[in-house]
Amino acid sequence: MKTAIRLTLAGAFVMACGVTGFAQAPAPAPMAPAAPAAPAVPATPMKKKAPMSAKAKECSKKADEQGLHGKARKEFREKCKKGET
């Protein structure tokens, strides 16, 4: 029974010390209005694509005329650039 009383008193003492610590802590400063965020800049600059060659542009125009899209367009352009069409 003495042990339970001692534990209760010790717990009350610890709680009392903890509560006074919160009472003495300074109040946080009010937050200032946030400035508008700057746009995110990538850490590494993006690589620019190489300009299309005259042959690649010509092949793209031919693919457009034929109404090709997707895989068929890609295959046509590859063959065209190699001179197979």
N, C-alpha and C. Protein backbone atom coordinates (compact mmCIF):
# COMPACT_ATOMS: atom_id res chain seq x y z
N MET A 1 0.81 -1.19 0.00
CA MET A 1 0.00 0.00 0.00
C MET A 1 0.86 1.26 0.00
N LYS A 2 1.99 1.20 0.76
CA LYS A 2 2.89 2.35 0.80
C LYS A 2 3.47 2.62 -0.59
N THR A 3 3.73 1.54 -1.33
CA THR A 3 4.30 1.69 -2.67
C THR A 3 3.31 2.40 -3.59
N ALA A 4 2.05 2.08 -3.52
CA ALA A 4 1.03 2.72 -4.36
C ALA A 4 0.91 4.20 -4.01
N ILE A 5 0.99 4.54 -2.76
CA ILE A 5 0.89 5.94 -2.34
C ILE A 5 2.11 6.71 -2.84
N ARG A 6 3.29 6.10 -2.69
CA ARG A 6 4.52 6.76 -3.14
C ARG A 6 4.49 6.98 -4.66
N LEU A 7 4.02 5.99 -5.41
CA LEU A 7 3.94 6.13 -6.87
C LEU A 7 2.94 7.22 -7.25
N THR A 8 1.85 7.30 -6.53
CA THR A 8 0.84 8.33 -6.81
C THR A 8 1.41 9.70 -6.55
N LEU A 9 2.10 9.86 -5.40
CA LEU A 9 2.70 11.15 -5.07
C LEU A 9 3.79 11.53 -6.08
N ALA A 10 4.59 10.55 -6.48
CA ALA A 10 5.65 10.82 -7.45
C ALA A 10 5.04 11.24 -8.79
N GLY A 11 3.99 10.57 -9.20
CA GLY A 11 3.31 10.92 -10.45
C GLY A 11 2.72 12.31 -10.40
N ALA A 12 2.11 12.66 -9.26
CA ALA A 12 1.54 14.00 -9.09
C ALA A 12 2.62 15.05 -9.15
N PHE A 13 3.77 14.79 -8.55
CA PHE A 13 4.89 15.72 -8.56
C PHE A 13 5.40 15.95 -9.99
N VAL A 14 5.55 14.86 -10.72
CA VAL A 14 6.02 14.96 -12.11
C VAL A 14 5.02 15.74 -12.95
N MET A 15 3.74 15.48 -12.77
CA MET A 15 2.71 16.19 -13.52
C MET A 15 2.73 17.68 -13.19
N ALA A 16 2.92 18.01 -11.90
CA ALA A 16 2.93 19.41 -11.48
C ALA A 16 4.12 20.13 -12.12
N CYS A 17 5.25 19.51 -12.15
CA CYS A 17 6.42 20.13 -12.76
C CYS A 17 6.22 20.31 -14.27
N GLY A 18 5.60 19.35 -14.88
CA GLY A 18 5.36 19.43 -16.32
C GLY A 18 4.39 20.52 -16.68
N VAL A 19 3.35 20.72 -15.88
CA VAL A 19 2.34 21.73 -16.17
C VAL A 19 2.94 23.12 -16.03
N THR A 20 3.78 23.34 -15.05
CA THR A 20 4.38 24.66 -14.87
C THR A 20 5.36 24.96 -16.00
N GLY A 21 5.94 23.94 -16.55
CA GLY A 21 6.83 24.15 -17.68
C GLY A 21 6.08 24.70 -18.89
N PHE A 22 4.86 24.22 -19.10
CA PHE A 22 4.06 24.73 -20.20
C PHE A 22 3.59 26.14 -19.92
N ALA A 23 3.29 26.44 -18.67
CA ALA A 23 2.80 27.77 -18.32
C ALA A 23 3.88 28.82 -18.51
N GLN A 24 5.15 28.44 -18.36
CA GLN A 24 6.24 29.40 -18.46
C GLN A 24 6.80 29.51 -19.88
N ALA A 25 6.38 28.67 -20.79
CA ALA A 25 6.87 28.72 -22.15
C ALA A 25 6.34 29.97 -22.84
N PRO A 26 7.18 30.66 -23.62
CA PRO A 26 6.71 31.87 -24.32
C PRO A 26 5.69 31.51 -25.40
N ALA A 27 4.78 32.41 -25.62
CA ALA A 27 3.76 32.20 -26.65
C ALA A 27 4.41 32.31 -28.02
N PRO A 28 3.98 31.51 -28.97
CA PRO A 28 4.57 31.62 -30.32
C PRO A 28 4.21 32.95 -30.96
N ALA A 29 5.11 33.46 -31.77
CA ALA A 29 4.89 34.74 -32.45
C ALA A 29 3.81 34.56 -33.51
N PRO A 30 2.99 35.59 -33.71
CA PRO A 30 1.96 35.47 -34.75
C PRO A 30 2.61 35.38 -36.12
N MET A 31 1.97 34.62 -37.00
CA MET A 31 2.52 34.41 -38.34
C MET A 31 2.21 35.61 -39.22
N ALA A 32 3.20 36.05 -39.98
CA ALA A 32 3.01 37.14 -40.92
C ALA A 32 2.35 36.57 -42.18
N PRO A 33 1.63 37.40 -42.92
CA PRO A 33 1.03 36.89 -44.16
C PRO A 33 2.13 36.41 -45.11
N ALA A 34 1.88 35.28 -45.70
CA ALA A 34 2.88 34.67 -46.58
C ALA A 34 2.93 35.39 -47.92
N ALA A 35 4.14 35.55 -48.42
CA ALA A 35 4.33 36.15 -49.74
C ALA A 35 3.98 35.11 -50.79
N PRO A 36 3.57 35.54 -51.96
CA PRO A 36 3.25 34.56 -53.01
C PRO A 36 4.50 33.73 -53.33
N ALA A 37 4.28 32.46 -53.49
CA ALA A 37 5.40 31.55 -53.75
C ALA A 37 5.93 31.73 -55.16
N ALA A 38 7.22 31.66 -55.28
CA ALA A 38 7.85 31.76 -56.59
C ALA A 38 7.65 30.44 -57.34
N PRO A 39 7.58 30.47 -58.65
CA PRO A 39 7.42 29.22 -59.39
C PRO A 39 8.62 28.32 -59.16
N ALA A 40 8.35 27.04 -59.11
CA ALA A 40 9.42 26.07 -58.86
C ALA A 40 10.35 26.00 -60.06
N VAL A 41 11.64 26.02 -59.79
CA VAL A 41 12.64 25.95 -60.84
C VAL A 41 13.33 24.60 -60.72
N PRO A 42 13.39 23.84 -61.80
CA PRO A 42 14.05 22.54 -61.70
C PRO A 42 15.51 22.71 -61.31
N ALA A 43 16.02 21.77 -60.53
CA ALA A 43 17.40 21.84 -60.06
C ALA A 43 18.38 21.74 -61.22
N THR A 44 18.09 20.89 -62.18
CA THR A 44 18.95 20.76 -63.34
C THR A 44 18.19 21.26 -64.56
N PRO A 45 18.82 22.06 -65.38
CA PRO A 45 18.11 22.56 -66.57
C PRO A 45 17.78 21.42 -67.51
N MET A 46 16.62 21.55 -68.14
CA MET A 46 16.18 20.50 -69.06
C MET A 46 16.96 20.63 -70.36
N LYS A 47 17.26 19.47 -70.94
CA LYS A 47 17.97 19.47 -72.20
C LYS A 47 17.02 19.85 -73.32
N LYS A 48 17.51 20.64 -74.24
CA LYS A 48 16.70 21.01 -75.39
C LYS A 48 16.83 19.93 -76.44
N LYS A 49 15.72 19.68 -77.13
CA LYS A 49 15.74 18.69 -78.20
C LYS A 49 16.48 19.27 -79.40
N ALA A 50 17.16 18.40 -80.10
CA ALA A 50 17.85 18.82 -81.30
C ALA A 50 16.82 19.22 -82.35
N PRO A 51 17.11 20.24 -83.13
CA PRO A 51 16.14 20.64 -84.16
C PRO A 51 15.97 19.53 -85.19
N MET A 52 14.77 19.45 -85.76
CA MET A 52 14.49 18.42 -86.75
C MET A 52 15.25 18.72 -88.04
N SER A 53 15.76 17.67 -88.64
CA SER A 53 16.44 17.84 -89.92
C SER A 53 15.40 18.08 -91.01
N ALA A 54 15.87 18.54 -92.15
CA ALA A 54 14.97 18.80 -93.27
C ALA A 54 14.27 17.51 -93.70
N LYS A 55 15.02 16.39 -93.66
CA LYS A 55 14.46 15.10 -94.06
C LYS A 55 13.35 14.68 -93.08
N ALA A 56 13.57 14.89 -91.77
CA ALA A 56 12.57 14.51 -90.77
C ALA A 56 11.30 15.36 -90.94
N LYS A 57 11.46 16.65 -91.23
CA LYS A 57 10.30 17.51 -91.44
C LYS A 57 9.51 17.07 -92.67
N GLU A 58 10.24 16.72 -93.72
CA GLU A 58 9.58 16.27 -94.95
C GLU A 58 8.79 14.99 -94.69
N CYS A 59 9.37 14.06 -93.92
CA CYS A 59 8.71 12.80 -93.61
C CYS A 59 7.48 13.04 -92.74
N SER A 60 7.57 14.00 -91.82
CA SER A 60 6.41 14.33 -90.98
C SER A 60 5.27 14.88 -91.81
N LYS A 61 5.59 15.73 -92.78
CA LYS A 61 4.56 16.28 -93.66
C LYS A 61 3.88 15.17 -94.46
N LYS A 62 4.68 14.23 -94.95
CA LYS A 62 4.11 13.12 -95.71
C LYS A 62 3.20 12.26 -94.83
N ALA A 63 3.61 12.05 -93.57
CA ALA A 63 2.79 11.27 -92.65
C ALA A 63 1.49 12.00 -92.34
N ASP A 64 1.56 13.33 -92.23
CA ASP A 64 0.35 14.13 -92.00
C ASP A 64 -0.61 14.01 -93.19
N GLU A 65 -0.06 14.08 -94.39
CA GLU A 65 -0.89 13.98 -95.60
C GLU A 65 -1.61 12.63 -95.66
N GLN A 66 -0.94 11.59 -95.18
CA GLN A 66 -1.53 10.26 -95.21
C GLN A 66 -2.45 10.03 -94.00
N GLY A 67 -2.45 10.95 -93.05
CA GLY A 67 -3.31 10.82 -91.88
C GLY A 67 -2.85 9.74 -90.92
N LEU A 68 -1.55 9.50 -90.87
CA LEU A 68 -1.02 8.45 -90.00
C LEU A 68 -0.88 8.94 -88.56
N HIS A 69 -1.14 8.04 -87.62
CA HIS A 69 -1.03 8.35 -86.19
C HIS A 69 -0.43 7.17 -85.47
N GLY A 70 0.20 7.45 -84.32
CA GLY A 70 0.69 6.39 -83.43
C GLY A 70 1.81 5.57 -84.03
N LYS A 71 1.69 4.27 -83.86
CA LYS A 71 2.74 3.34 -84.26
C LYS A 71 2.97 3.37 -85.78
N ALA A 72 1.88 3.45 -86.54
CA ALA A 72 2.01 3.46 -88.00
C ALA A 72 2.79 4.70 -88.46
N ARG A 73 2.53 5.85 -87.81
CA ARG A 73 3.23 7.08 -88.16
C ARG A 73 4.72 6.94 -87.85
N LYS A 74 5.01 6.40 -86.67
CA LYS A 74 6.40 6.25 -86.25
C LYS A 74 7.16 5.35 -87.22
N GLU A 75 6.55 4.22 -87.59
CA GLU A 75 7.19 3.30 -88.52
C GLU A 75 7.40 3.94 -89.89
N PHE A 76 6.38 4.69 -90.35
CA PHE A 76 6.49 5.36 -91.65
C PHE A 76 7.63 6.36 -91.63
N ARG A 77 7.73 7.17 -90.57
CA ARG A 77 8.78 8.18 -90.49
C ARG A 77 10.17 7.55 -90.44
N GLU A 78 10.31 6.45 -89.72
CA GLU A 78 11.61 5.77 -89.66
C GLU A 78 12.04 5.28 -91.04
N LYS A 79 11.10 4.66 -91.76
CA LYS A 79 11.41 4.17 -93.11
C LYS A 79 11.69 5.34 -94.05
N CYS A 80 10.93 6.39 -93.91
CA CYS A 80 11.10 7.56 -94.77
C CYS A 80 12.47 8.19 -94.58
N LYS A 81 12.89 8.32 -93.33
CA LYS A 81 14.19 8.94 -93.05
C LYS A 81 15.36 8.08 -93.57
N LYS A 82 15.13 6.77 -93.63
CA LYS A 82 16.16 5.87 -94.15
C LYS A 82 16.13 5.84 -95.67
N GLY A 83 15.10 6.43 -96.26
CA GLY A 83 14.99 6.46 -97.72
C GLY A 83 14.34 5.22 -98.30
N GLU A 84 13.58 4.49 -97.48
CA GLU A 84 12.96 3.26 -97.96
C GLU A 84 11.60 3.50 -98.61
N THR A 85 11.07 4.69 -98.53
CA THR A 85 9.78 4.96 -99.18
C THR A 85 9.92 5.96 -100.28
